[in-house]
């Protein structure tokens, strides 16, 4: 089986890098297309908006993300992500729990 090299964008973007590696592994395993869709898509995305009164008196709203893929092996672990540059896409890394 031949493998294709990832381009620079895929290597510098963590989401694209893991997606490319997952695709490569799925091809090597001859993974069923339906199972590929199940494993590559999150089961649940939780987005929360938390209003916080800042020290200077203005109200700021922070957004947090949690993405869960498969809970087939038990409860999903991990927490909410509140980093200023976070998006649900950045949190949606493929993992089994």
Protein backbone atom coordinates (compact mmCIF):
# COMPACT_ATOMS: atom_id res chain seq x y z
CA UNK A 1 0.00 0.00 0.00
CA UNK A 2 1.32 3.45 -0.84
CA UNK A 3 1.10 6.29 1.62
CA UNK A 4 0.77 9.92 0.72
CA UNK A 5 2.83 12.58 2.44
CA UNK A 6 0.94 15.19 4.41
CA UNK A 7 1.29 18.75 3.23
CA UNK A 8 2.61 21.53 5.49
CA UNK A 9 -0.89 22.71 6.47
CA UNK A 10 -1.80 19.22 7.70
CA UNK A 11 1.39 19.02 9.74
CA UNK A 12 0.97 22.42 11.40
CA UNK A 13 -2.75 22.07 12.11
CA UNK A 14 -3.25 19.48 14.89
CA UNK A 15 -6.80 18.63 13.79
CA UNK A 16 -5.79 18.03 10.18
CA UNK A 17 -2.68 16.10 11.23
CA UNK A 18 -4.65 13.63 13.34
CA UNK A 19 -7.39 13.36 10.70
CA UNK A 20 -4.81 12.48 8.04
CA UNK A 21 -3.26 9.85 10.31
CA UNK A 22 -6.68 8.40 11.12
CA UNK A 23 -7.51 8.20 7.40
CA UNK A 24 -4.20 6.44 6.71
CA UNK A 25 -4.82 3.91 9.51
CA UNK A 26 -8.41 3.34 8.32
CA UNK A 27 -7.18 2.62 4.79
CA UNK A 28 -4.51 0.20 6.05
CA UNK A 29 -7.14 -1.62 8.13
CA UNK A 30 -9.66 -1.67 5.27
CA UNK A 31 -12.10 -0.06 7.70
CA UNK A 32 -15.72 -0.15 6.62
CA UNK A 33 -16.90 3.25 5.34
CA UNK A 34 -19.78 3.33 7.82
CA UNK A 35 -17.50 2.59 10.77
CA UNK A 36 -15.07 5.25 9.49
CA UNK A 37 -17.91 7.80 9.65
CA UNK A 38 -18.87 6.74 13.18
CA UNK A 39 -15.30 6.94 14.47
CA UNK A 40 -14.40 10.19 12.73
CA UNK A 41 -17.46 12.15 13.87
CA UNK A 42 -18.07 13.22 17.47
CA UNK A 43 -21.04 11.74 19.31
CA UNK A 44 -21.59 14.91 21.28
CA UNK A 45 -20.40 18.51 21.33
CA UNK A 46 -21.07 20.65 24.36
CA UNK A 47 -20.64 24.41 24.08
CA UNK A 48 -21.08 26.59 27.15
CA UNK A 49 -21.09 30.38 27.48
CA UNK A 50 -20.12 31.73 30.88
CA UNK A 51 -20.64 35.40 31.74
CA UNK A 52 -17.96 36.83 34.05
CA UNK A 53 -17.92 40.25 35.69
CA UNK A 54 -14.40 41.54 35.13
CA UNK A 55 -12.39 43.56 37.68
CA UNK A 56 -13.04 46.80 35.78
CA UNK A 57 -16.81 46.23 35.95
CA UNK A 58 -17.57 45.14 32.38
CA UNK A 59 -19.21 41.82 31.60
CA UNK A 60 -17.25 39.38 29.46
CA UNK A 61 -18.64 36.12 28.04
CA UNK A 62 -16.24 33.16 27.76
CA UNK A 63 -16.99 30.15 25.59
CA UNK A 64 -15.97 26.62 26.57
CA UNK A 65 -16.01 23.46 24.46
CA UNK A 66 -16.11 19.74 25.14
CA UNK A 67 -16.22 17.16 22.38
CA UNK A 68 -16.87 13.46 23.02
CA UNK A 69 -16.37 10.79 20.41
CA UNK A 70 -17.12 7.25 21.52
CA UNK A 71 -18.43 6.28 24.93
CA UNK A 72 -18.64 2.60 23.97
CA UNK A 73 -15.92 1.70 26.50
CA UNK A 74 -17.41 3.76 29.31
CA UNK A 75 -17.72 7.41 30.31
CA UNK A 76 -15.77 9.92 28.28
CA UNK A 77 -13.03 11.70 30.16
CA UNK A 78 -11.60 15.15 29.82
CA UNK A 79 -12.82 18.58 30.69
CA UNK A 80 -14.09 21.77 29.20
CA UNK A 81 -11.61 23.91 27.29
CA UNK A 82 -11.68 27.65 27.88
CA UNK A 83 -8.48 28.76 26.10
CA UNK A 84 -9.10 32.03 24.24
CA UNK A 85 -8.21 30.57 20.83
CA UNK A 86 -10.18 27.32 21.29
CA UNK A 87 -12.89 26.20 18.90
CA UNK A 88 -14.96 23.05 18.82
CA UNK A 89 -12.87 21.88 15.85
CA UNK A 90 -9.65 22.16 17.86
CA UNK A 91 -11.23 20.16 20.67
CA UNK A 92 -12.61 17.46 18.39
CA UNK A 93 -9.48 15.37 18.28
CA UNK A 94 -10.07 11.71 17.58
CA UNK A 95 -9.71 9.46 20.57
CA UNK A 96 -11.57 6.52 22.02
CA UNK A 97 -13.03 8.24 25.03
